[in-house]
Amino acid sequence: MVAEPPIPTTPPANLEELWKRLLAIAVSNRRVRTLLEVAAPVSFADGTLAVYVPANTVTSFNSYVNEVESLASQAACVPVRVRVEAPQVALTDAPSAQQRIAEHPLVKQAMELLNAKVVGVQARAQKPQNIELYISTRAMAVLIGCFDLGQFRRSGATCHGPEAAIAAE
């Protein structure tokens, strides 16, 4: 079990301290903690905490906003309202993968710290579903002594060309 963090008794000195307190208090609510980890604090003034939420989590975040307000009130030692700020996404102007990555709060922070910019985005490589071997008859004859052909056939790999007859034996 996770030990409950102590509830603060004095207001936080700044937005960063409030956010750290909020994350610490939210440890008891895994779903809220997960939502807060992808969000970023924008400002805290007059009892209103503005939070940037990525477009893909706005609906989820809004369904837990009451819990976030309750936890934020504990962290701030005053009643807190939460205002969600999210990027406006036009259906006709869908951002590119590069633009979406560059808008992520952690990427923005890294870009600022390193004075860098996103120059490209690559999709993760996927594992091939079927393995096909193109191999010469001579190479196949050498390999026959090196591995179990039964295991080769059971693996689902396929072989093309004159060496297919050797592999089928």
N, C-alpha and C. Protein backbone atom coordinates (compact mmCIF):
# COMPACT_ATOMS: atom_id res chain seq x y z
N MET A 1 0.82 -1.19 0.00
CA MET A 1 0.00 0.00 0.00
C MET A 1 0.87 1.25 0.00
N VAL A 2 0.37 2.28 -0.65
CA VAL A 2 1.08 3.54 -0.73
C VAL A 2 0.70 4.39 0.47
N ALA A 3 1.69 4.92 1.16
CA ALA A 3 1.42 5.78 2.31
C ALA A 3 0.88 7.12 1.83
N GLU A 4 -0.12 7.60 2.52
CA GLU A 4 -0.72 8.89 2.17
C GLU A 4 0.27 10.00 2.51
N PRO A 5 0.50 10.94 1.58
CA PRO A 5 1.39 12.06 1.89
C PRO A 5 0.72 13.00 2.88
N PRO A 6 1.49 13.71 3.69
CA PRO A 6 0.88 14.64 4.63
C PRO A 6 0.18 15.78 3.89
N ILE A 7 -0.94 16.20 4.42
CA ILE A 7 -1.69 17.31 3.81
C ILE A 7 -1.02 18.62 4.22
N PRO A 8 -0.68 19.47 3.24
CA PRO A 8 0.00 20.73 3.55
C PRO A 8 -0.90 21.65 4.39
N THR A 9 -0.26 22.47 5.21
CA THR A 9 -1.01 23.41 6.05
C THR A 9 -0.73 24.86 5.68
N THR A 10 0.25 25.09 4.81
CA THR A 10 0.54 26.46 4.37
C THR A 10 0.44 26.52 2.86
N PRO A 11 0.01 27.66 2.33
CA PRO A 11 -0.11 27.79 0.86
C PRO A 11 1.25 27.63 0.18
N PRO A 12 1.25 27.13 -1.04
CA PRO A 12 2.51 26.98 -1.77
C PRO A 12 3.08 28.34 -2.16
N ALA A 13 4.40 28.38 -2.32
CA ALA A 13 5.07 29.64 -2.66
C ALA A 13 4.88 30.02 -4.12
N ASN A 14 4.71 29.01 -5.01
CA ASN A 14 4.59 29.31 -6.43
C ASN A 14 3.86 28.18 -7.15
N LEU A 15 3.67 28.34 -8.43
CA LEU A 15 2.95 27.36 -9.25
C LEU A 15 3.66 26.01 -9.25
N GLU A 16 4.97 26.03 -9.36
CA GLU A 16 5.74 24.78 -9.39
C GLU A 16 5.55 23.99 -8.10
N GLU A 17 5.59 24.67 -6.97
CA GLU A 17 5.39 23.98 -5.69
C GLU A 17 3.97 23.43 -5.59
N LEU A 18 2.99 24.20 -6.04
CA LEU A 18 1.60 23.73 -6.03
C LEU A 18 1.47 22.46 -6.87
N TRP A 19 2.08 22.45 -8.05
CA TRP A 19 1.99 21.29 -8.94
C TRP A 19 2.66 20.07 -8.32
N LYS A 20 3.82 20.25 -7.68
CA LYS A 20 4.50 19.14 -7.02
C LYS A 20 3.64 18.58 -5.89
N ARG A 21 3.03 19.46 -5.13
CA ARG A 21 2.13 19.01 -4.05
C ARG A 21 0.95 18.24 -4.62
N LEU A 22 0.37 18.76 -5.69
CA LEU A 22 -0.79 18.12 -6.30
C LEU A 22 -0.43 16.72 -6.78
N LEU A 23 0.71 16.56 -7.43
CA LEU A 23 1.14 15.24 -7.89
C LEU A 23 1.37 14.30 -6.71
N ALA A 24 1.93 14.82 -5.62
CA ALA A 24 2.18 13.98 -4.44
C ALA A 24 0.87 13.53 -3.80
N ILE A 25 -0.09 14.42 -3.70
CA ILE A 25 -1.39 14.09 -3.10
C ILE A 25 -2.15 13.13 -4.00
N ALA A 26 -2.00 13.26 -5.31
CA ALA A 26 -2.75 12.44 -6.27
C ALA A 26 -2.24 11.00 -6.34
N VAL A 27 -1.19 10.67 -5.61
CA VAL A 27 -0.65 9.31 -5.65
C VAL A 27 -1.71 8.29 -5.21
N SER A 28 -2.66 8.69 -4.41
CA SER A 28 -3.70 7.77 -3.94
C SER A 28 -4.77 7.51 -4.99
N ASN A 29 -4.84 8.33 -6.03
CA ASN A 29 -5.83 8.15 -7.09
C ASN A 29 -5.06 7.96 -8.40
N ARG A 30 -4.88 6.70 -8.79
CA ARG A 30 -4.02 6.39 -9.93
C ARG A 30 -4.50 7.02 -11.24
N ARG A 31 -5.80 7.04 -11.48
CA ARG A 31 -6.32 7.61 -12.73
C ARG A 31 -6.05 9.11 -12.80
N VAL A 32 -6.33 9.82 -11.71
CA VAL A 32 -6.08 11.27 -11.68
C VAL A 32 -4.58 11.53 -11.80
N ARG A 33 -3.78 10.74 -11.12
CA ARG A 33 -2.32 10.91 -11.19
C ARG A 33 -1.84 10.76 -12.64
N THR A 34 -2.36 9.75 -13.34
CA THR A 34 -1.98 9.52 -14.73
C THR A 34 -2.38 10.71 -15.60
N LEU A 35 -3.56 11.25 -15.40
CA LEU A 35 -4.00 12.41 -16.17
C LEU A 35 -3.14 13.64 -15.87
N LEU A 36 -2.78 13.82 -14.60
CA LEU A 36 -1.95 14.97 -14.23
C LEU A 36 -0.54 14.85 -14.80
N GLU A 37 -0.05 13.63 -14.96
CA GLU A 37 1.31 13.45 -15.49
C GLU A 37 1.42 13.86 -16.95
N VAL A 38 0.32 13.81 -17.71
CA VAL A 38 0.38 14.25 -19.11
C VAL A 38 -0.05 15.70 -19.26
N ALA A 39 -0.55 16.28 -18.18
CA ALA A 39 -0.97 17.68 -18.19
C ALA A 39 0.20 18.55 -17.72
N ALA A 40 0.02 19.86 -17.83
CA ALA A 40 1.06 20.79 -17.38
C ALA A 40 0.40 22.03 -16.78
N PRO A 41 0.93 22.52 -15.67
CA PRO A 41 0.35 23.73 -15.07
C PRO A 41 0.67 24.95 -15.93
N VAL A 42 -0.32 25.84 -16.05
CA VAL A 42 -0.12 27.06 -16.83
C VAL A 42 -0.04 28.26 -15.90
N SER A 43 -1.02 28.39 -15.01
CA SER A 43 -1.02 29.51 -14.08
C SER A 43 -1.91 29.19 -12.88
N PHE A 44 -1.70 29.96 -11.80
CA PHE A 44 -2.56 29.87 -10.62
C PHE A 44 -2.76 31.28 -10.09
N ALA A 45 -4.00 31.76 -10.20
CA ALA A 45 -4.32 33.10 -9.73
C ALA A 45 -5.78 33.15 -9.32
N ASP A 46 -6.06 33.87 -8.24
CA ASP A 46 -7.43 34.06 -7.75
C ASP A 46 -8.18 32.74 -7.58
N GLY A 47 -7.48 31.73 -7.09
CA GLY A 47 -8.10 30.45 -6.81
C GLY A 47 -8.39 29.60 -8.04
N THR A 48 -7.87 30.00 -9.19
CA THR A 48 -8.08 29.23 -10.42
C THR A 48 -6.75 28.69 -10.92
N LEU A 49 -6.71 27.37 -11.07
CA LEU A 49 -5.53 26.69 -11.60
C LEU A 49 -5.80 26.37 -13.06
N ALA A 50 -5.04 27.00 -13.95
CA ALA A 50 -5.14 26.72 -15.38
C ALA A 50 -4.19 25.57 -15.70
N VAL A 51 -4.71 24.55 -16.38
CA VAL A 51 -3.95 23.35 -16.69
C VAL A 51 -4.01 23.08 -18.18
N TYR A 52 -2.85 22.92 -18.81
CA TYR A 52 -2.80 22.53 -20.22
C TYR A 52 -2.96 21.02 -20.30
N VAL A 53 -3.90 20.58 -21.13
CA VAL A 53 -4.17 19.16 -21.31
C VAL A 53 -4.07 18.85 -22.79
N PRO A 54 -3.30 17.82 -23.18
CA PRO A 54 -3.22 17.45 -24.59
C PRO A 54 -4.61 17.11 -25.13
N ALA A 55 -4.81 17.37 -26.40
CA ALA A 55 -6.13 17.19 -27.03
C ALA A 55 -6.67 15.78 -26.86
N ASN A 56 -5.80 14.77 -26.88
CA ASN A 56 -6.29 13.40 -26.79
C ASN A 56 -6.73 12.98 -25.39
N THR A 57 -6.51 13.82 -24.37
CA THR A 57 -6.94 13.48 -23.01
C THR A 57 -7.94 14.46 -22.42
N VAL A 58 -8.40 15.42 -23.20
CA VAL A 58 -9.32 16.44 -22.68
C VAL A 58 -10.59 15.81 -22.13
N THR A 59 -11.19 14.89 -22.86
CA THR A 59 -12.44 14.28 -22.41
C THR A 59 -12.24 13.54 -21.09
N SER A 60 -11.19 12.75 -21.00
CA SER A 60 -10.90 12.03 -19.76
C SER A 60 -10.63 12.99 -18.61
N PHE A 61 -9.84 14.02 -18.88
CA PHE A 61 -9.50 14.99 -17.83
C PHE A 61 -10.76 15.69 -17.33
N ASN A 62 -11.64 16.09 -18.25
CA ASN A 62 -12.86 16.78 -17.86
C ASN A 62 -13.77 15.89 -16.99
N SER A 63 -13.73 14.59 -17.21
CA SER A 63 -14.57 13.71 -16.39
C SER A 63 -14.02 13.57 -14.97
N TYR A 64 -12.78 13.93 -14.73
CA TYR A 64 -12.18 13.86 -13.39
C TYR A 64 -11.87 15.24 -12.82
N VAL A 65 -12.39 16.28 -13.42
CA VAL A 65 -12.04 17.64 -12.99
C VAL A 65 -12.46 17.90 -11.54
N ASN A 66 -13.57 17.33 -11.07
CA ASN A 66 -13.97 17.53 -9.67
C ASN A 66 -12.95 16.94 -8.71
N GLU A 67 -12.44 15.75 -9.02
CA GLU A 67 -11.42 15.13 -8.19
C GLU A 67 -10.14 15.97 -8.21
N VAL A 68 -9.78 16.48 -9.39
CA VAL A 68 -8.58 17.32 -9.50
C VAL A 68 -8.75 18.59 -8.67
N GLU A 69 -9.93 19.20 -8.73
CA GLU A 69 -10.18 20.41 -7.93
C GLU A 69 -10.08 20.12 -6.44
N SER A 70 -10.61 18.99 -6.01
CA SER A 70 -10.54 18.62 -4.59
C SER A 70 -9.09 18.43 -4.14
N LEU A 71 -8.32 17.71 -4.94
CA LEU A 71 -6.91 17.48 -4.59
C LEU A 71 -6.11 18.78 -4.67
N ALA A 72 -6.40 19.61 -5.67
CA ALA A 72 -5.69 20.90 -5.81
C ALA A 72 -6.01 21.80 -4.62
N SER A 73 -7.24 21.76 -4.13
CA SER A 73 -7.63 22.55 -2.96
C SER A 73 -6.83 22.11 -1.73
N GLN A 74 -6.63 20.80 -1.59
CA GLN A 74 -5.81 20.30 -0.48
C GLN A 74 -4.36 20.78 -0.63
N ALA A 75 -3.85 20.73 -1.84
CA ALA A 75 -2.47 21.12 -2.08
C ALA A 75 -2.25 22.62 -1.89
N ALA A 76 -3.25 23.44 -2.23
CA ALA A 76 -3.10 24.89 -2.17
C ALA A 76 -3.54 25.47 -0.83
N CYS A 77 -4.24 24.67 -0.03
CA CYS A 77 -4.77 25.13 1.26
C CYS A 77 -5.84 26.20 1.09
N VAL A 78 -6.41 26.30 -0.09
CA VAL A 78 -7.53 27.21 -0.38
C VAL A 78 -8.42 26.52 -1.42
N PRO A 79 -9.69 26.90 -1.52
CA PRO A 79 -10.54 26.31 -2.57
C PRO A 79 -9.98 26.64 -3.96
N VAL A 80 -9.96 25.65 -4.83
CA VAL A 80 -9.37 25.83 -6.16
C VAL A 80 -10.36 25.37 -7.22
N ARG A 81 -10.48 26.16 -8.27
CA ARG A 81 -11.21 25.77 -9.48
C ARG A 81 -10.16 25.45 -10.54
N VAL A 82 -10.47 24.47 -11.37
CA VAL A 82 -9.53 24.09 -12.43
C VAL A 82 -10.10 24.52 -13.77
N ARG A 83 -9.27 25.22 -14.54
CA ARG A 83 -9.64 25.61 -15.90
C ARG A 83 -8.76 24.81 -16.87
N VAL A 84 -9.40 24.06 -17.73
CA VAL A 84 -8.68 23.22 -18.68
C VAL A 84 -8.38 24.03 -19.93
N GLU A 85 -7.11 24.03 -20.32
CA GLU A 85 -6.70 24.66 -21.56
C GLU A 85 -6.18 23.56 -22.47
N ALA A 86 -6.74 23.49 -23.65
CA ALA A 86 -6.35 22.45 -24.61
C ALA A 86 -6.15 23.09 -25.97
N PRO A 87 -5.32 22.47 -26.78
CA PRO A 87 -5.12 23.00 -28.13
C PRO A 87 -6.41 22.89 -28.93
N GLN A 88 -6.69 23.90 -29.71
CA GLN A 88 -7.85 23.87 -30.59
C GLN A 88 -7.44 23.16 -31.87
N VAL A 89 -8.10 22.07 -32.17
CA VAL A 89 -7.77 21.29 -33.35
C VAL A 89 -8.91 21.41 -34.35
N ALA A 90 -8.61 21.99 -35.49
CA ALA A 90 -9.60 22.09 -36.56
C ALA A 90 -9.62 20.77 -37.32
N LEU A 91 -10.80 20.31 -37.67
CA LEU A 91 -10.92 19.04 -38.37
C LEU A 91 -10.28 19.09 -39.75
N THR A 92 -10.32 20.24 -40.38
CA THR A 92 -9.76 20.35 -41.73
C THR A 92 -8.25 20.57 -41.72
N ASP A 93 -7.72 21.09 -40.63
CA ASP A 93 -6.30 21.39 -40.54
C ASP A 93 -5.63 20.49 -39.50
N ALA A 94 -5.66 19.21 -39.71
CA ALA A 94 -5.04 18.28 -38.77
C ALA A 94 -3.53 18.51 -38.76
N PRO A 95 -2.95 18.64 -37.58
CA PRO A 95 -1.51 18.89 -37.51
C PRO A 95 -0.72 17.65 -37.91
N SER A 96 0.46 17.88 -38.41
CA SER A 96 1.34 16.77 -38.78
C SER A 96 1.88 16.13 -37.50
N ALA A 97 2.45 14.96 -37.64
CA ALA A 97 3.04 14.27 -36.49
C ALA A 97 4.12 15.15 -35.85
N GLN A 98 4.88 15.83 -36.68
CA GLN A 98 5.94 16.70 -36.17
C GLN A 98 5.36 17.84 -35.34
N GLN A 99 4.26 18.43 -35.81
CA GLN A 99 3.62 19.52 -35.06
C GLN A 99 3.05 19.00 -33.75
N ARG A 100 2.40 17.81 -33.79
CA ARG A 100 1.82 17.25 -32.57
C ARG A 100 2.90 16.98 -31.53
N ILE A 101 4.01 16.42 -31.96
CA ILE A 101 5.11 16.13 -31.03
C ILE A 101 5.66 17.43 -30.45
N ALA A 102 5.83 18.44 -31.29
CA ALA A 102 6.40 19.71 -30.84
C ALA A 102 5.48 20.43 -29.85
N GLU A 103 4.19 20.10 -29.84
CA GLU A 103 3.25 20.74 -28.91
C GLU A 103 3.17 20.04 -27.56
N HIS A 104 3.76 18.86 -27.43
CA HIS A 104 3.71 18.13 -26.16
C HIS A 104 4.48 18.92 -25.11
N PRO A 105 3.92 19.07 -23.90
CA PRO A 105 4.58 19.89 -22.87
C PRO A 105 6.01 19.46 -22.54
N LEU A 106 6.27 18.16 -22.47
CA LEU A 106 7.63 17.72 -22.16
C LEU A 106 8.59 18.02 -23.30
N VAL A 107 8.11 17.88 -24.54
CA VAL A 107 8.95 18.20 -25.69
C VAL A 107 9.21 19.71 -25.72
N LYS A 108 8.18 20.50 -25.44
CA LYS A 108 8.36 21.96 -25.40
C LYS A 108 9.42 22.34 -24.38
N GLN A 109 9.33 21.70 -23.20
CA GLN A 109 10.29 22.00 -22.14
C GLN A 109 11.70 21.63 -22.58
N ALA A 110 11.86 20.47 -23.20
CA ALA A 110 13.18 20.05 -23.68
C ALA A 110 13.68 21.01 -24.75
N MET A 111 12.77 21.45 -25.64
CA MET A 111 13.17 22.38 -26.70
C MET A 111 13.67 23.69 -26.10
N GLU A 112 12.99 24.16 -25.04
CA GLU A 112 13.41 25.41 -24.41
C GLU A 112 14.75 25.24 -23.70
N LEU A 113 14.89 24.14 -22.95
CA LEU A 113 16.12 23.92 -22.20
C LEU A 113 17.34 23.75 -23.11
N LEU A 114 17.13 23.09 -24.23
CA LEU A 114 18.25 22.79 -25.12
C LEU A 114 18.35 23.73 -26.31
N ASN A 115 17.43 24.71 -26.37
CA ASN A 115 17.37 25.63 -27.51
C ASN A 115 17.37 24.82 -28.81
N ALA A 116 16.42 23.87 -28.88
CA ALA A 116 16.37 22.94 -30.00
C ALA A 116 15.02 23.03 -30.71
N LYS A 117 14.91 22.30 -31.81
CA LYS A 117 13.64 22.21 -32.52
C LYS A 117 13.47 20.79 -33.05
N VAL A 118 12.23 20.40 -33.26
CA VAL A 118 11.94 19.08 -33.80
C VAL A 118 12.18 19.14 -35.30
N VAL A 119 13.04 18.27 -35.79
CA VAL A 119 13.33 18.27 -37.22
C VAL A 119 12.72 17.08 -37.94
N GLY A 120 12.25 16.09 -37.19
CA GLY A 120 11.63 14.94 -37.84
C GLY A 120 11.03 13.99 -36.83
N VAL A 121 10.07 13.21 -37.30
CA VAL A 121 9.40 12.22 -36.47
C VAL A 121 9.37 10.92 -37.27
N GLN A 122 9.75 9.84 -36.63
CA GLN A 122 9.74 8.54 -37.29
C GLN A 122 8.82 7.60 -36.54
N ALA A 123 8.04 6.84 -37.29
CA ALA A 123 7.17 5.84 -36.68
C ALA A 123 8.02 4.69 -36.17
N ARG A 124 7.54 4.02 -35.15
CA ARG A 124 8.24 2.85 -34.65
C ARG A 124 8.23 1.75 -35.68
N ALA A 125 9.33 1.04 -35.78
CA ALA A 125 9.40 -0.10 -36.70
C ALA A 125 8.55 -1.23 -36.16
N GLN A 126 7.82 -1.89 -37.03
CA GLN A 126 6.99 -3.01 -36.62
C GLN A 126 7.67 -4.30 -37.00
N LYS A 127 7.41 -5.33 -36.20
CA LYS A 127 7.98 -6.64 -36.48
C LYS A 127 7.34 -7.20 -37.74
N PRO A 128 8.12 -7.84 -38.58
CA PRO A 128 7.53 -8.46 -39.77
C PRO A 128 6.66 -9.64 -39.35
N GLN A 129 5.55 -9.83 -40.04
CA GLN A 129 4.64 -10.92 -39.72
C GLN A 129 5.14 -12.24 -40.29
N ASN A 130 5.62 -12.24 -41.51
CA ASN A 130 6.14 -13.45 -42.16
C ASN A 130 7.57 -13.19 -42.58
N ILE A 131 8.39 -14.19 -42.42
CA ILE A 131 9.77 -14.07 -42.83
C ILE A 131 9.93 -14.87 -44.11
N GLU A 132 10.47 -14.26 -45.12
CA GLU A 132 10.72 -14.96 -46.38
C GLU A 132 12.22 -14.98 -46.61
N LEU A 133 12.73 -16.16 -46.99
CA LEU A 133 14.16 -16.31 -47.24
C LEU A 133 14.41 -16.48 -48.74
N TYR A 134 15.32 -15.72 -49.26
CA TYR A 134 15.79 -15.89 -50.64
C TYR A 134 17.25 -16.29 -50.51
N ILE A 135 17.51 -17.53 -50.81
CA ILE A 135 18.84 -18.05 -50.55
C ILE A 135 19.23 -18.98 -51.69
N SER A 136 20.50 -19.04 -52.02
CA SER A 136 20.97 -19.89 -53.12
C SER A 136 20.97 -21.35 -52.70
N THR A 137 20.96 -22.22 -53.71
CA THR A 137 20.98 -23.66 -53.45
C THR A 137 22.24 -24.05 -52.69
N ARG A 138 23.38 -23.47 -53.08
CA ARG A 138 24.64 -23.79 -52.41
C ARG A 138 24.59 -23.36 -50.93
N ALA A 139 24.08 -22.16 -50.67
CA ALA A 139 23.99 -21.68 -49.28
C ALA A 139 23.03 -22.56 -48.50
N MET A 140 21.94 -23.01 -49.13
CA MET A 140 20.99 -23.86 -48.45
C MET A 140 21.64 -25.19 -48.08
N ALA A 141 22.44 -25.73 -48.97
CA ALA A 141 23.11 -26.99 -48.69
C ALA A 141 24.04 -26.84 -47.48
N VAL A 142 24.71 -25.71 -47.37
CA VAL A 142 25.58 -25.45 -46.22
C VAL A 142 24.75 -25.33 -44.95
N LEU A 143 23.62 -24.64 -45.04
CA LEU A 143 22.79 -24.41 -43.87
C LEU A 143 22.09 -25.68 -43.39
N ILE A 144 21.86 -26.64 -44.26
CA ILE A 144 21.17 -27.86 -43.86
C ILE A 144 21.87 -28.51 -42.68
N GLY A 145 23.16 -28.48 -42.67
CA GLY A 145 23.90 -29.06 -41.56
C GLY A 145 23.93 -28.17 -40.33
N CYS A 146 23.48 -26.92 -40.45
CA CYS A 146 23.61 -25.95 -39.36
C CYS A 146 22.35 -25.78 -38.52
N PHE A 147 21.20 -26.19 -39.05
CA PHE A 147 19.99 -26.03 -38.24
C PHE A 147 18.97 -27.09 -38.61
N ASP A 148 18.01 -27.25 -37.77
CA ASP A 148 16.98 -28.26 -37.92
C ASP A 148 15.95 -27.78 -38.95
N LEU A 149 15.81 -28.49 -40.06
CA LEU A 149 14.85 -28.09 -41.09
C LEU A 149 13.42 -28.19 -40.59
N GLY A 150 13.16 -29.13 -39.69
CA GLY A 150 11.81 -29.23 -39.11
C GLY A 150 11.45 -27.97 -38.36
N GLN A 151 12.40 -27.44 -37.60
CA GLN A 151 12.17 -26.20 -36.88
C GLN A 151 11.97 -25.05 -37.86
N PHE A 152 12.72 -25.06 -38.97
CA PHE A 152 12.57 -24.03 -40.00
C PHE A 152 11.15 -24.05 -40.55
N ARG A 153 10.63 -25.25 -40.89
CA ARG A 153 9.27 -25.35 -41.45
C ARG A 153 8.23 -24.94 -40.41
N ARG A 154 8.43 -25.33 -39.15
CA ARG A 154 7.46 -24.99 -38.10
C ARG A 154 7.44 -23.49 -37.81
N SER A 155 8.53 -22.79 -38.10
CA SER A 155 8.61 -21.36 -37.80
C SER A 155 7.68 -20.53 -38.68
N GLY A 156 7.19 -21.12 -39.78
CA GLY A 156 6.32 -20.37 -40.68
C GLY A 156 7.07 -19.62 -41.74
N ALA A 157 8.41 -19.71 -41.74
CA ALA A 157 9.20 -19.04 -42.76
C ALA A 157 8.99 -19.75 -44.09
N THR A 158 9.13 -19.02 -45.16
CA THR A 158 8.97 -19.61 -46.48
C THR A 158 10.25 -19.44 -47.26
N CYS A 159 10.45 -20.32 -48.20
CA CYS A 159 11.65 -20.30 -49.02
C CYS A 159 11.21 -20.40 -50.48
N HIS A 160 11.82 -19.61 -51.38
CA HIS A 160 11.44 -19.57 -52.78
C HIS A 160 12.61 -20.01 -53.64
N GLY A 161 12.31 -20.56 -54.80
CA GLY A 161 13.36 -20.91 -55.74
C GLY A 161 13.70 -22.38 -55.66
N PRO A 162 14.81 -22.78 -56.32
CA PRO A 162 15.18 -24.20 -56.37
C PRO A 162 15.46 -24.77 -54.98
N GLU A 163 15.87 -23.92 -54.04
CA GLU A 163 16.15 -24.42 -52.71
C GLU A 163 14.89 -24.77 -51.92
N ALA A 164 13.74 -24.40 -52.42
CA ALA A 164 12.48 -24.72 -51.74
C ALA A 164 12.30 -26.23 -51.68
N ALA A 165 12.74 -26.93 -52.72
CA ALA A 165 12.63 -28.38 -52.73
C ALA A 165 13.49 -28.98 -51.64
N ILE A 166 14.65 -28.42 -51.39
CA ILE A 166 15.54 -28.93 -50.34
C ILE A 166 14.89 -28.71 -48.98
N ALA A 167 14.33 -27.50 -48.76
CA ALA A 167 13.71 -27.17 -47.49
C ALA A 167 12.46 -28.00 -47.24
N ALA A 168 11.78 -28.42 -48.31
CA ALA A 168 10.54 -29.19 -48.14
C ALA A 168 10.82 -30.63 -47.77
N GLU A 169 12.04 -31.11 -47.98
CA GLU A 169 12.36 -32.52 -47.70
C GLU A 169 12.23 -32.85 -46.25
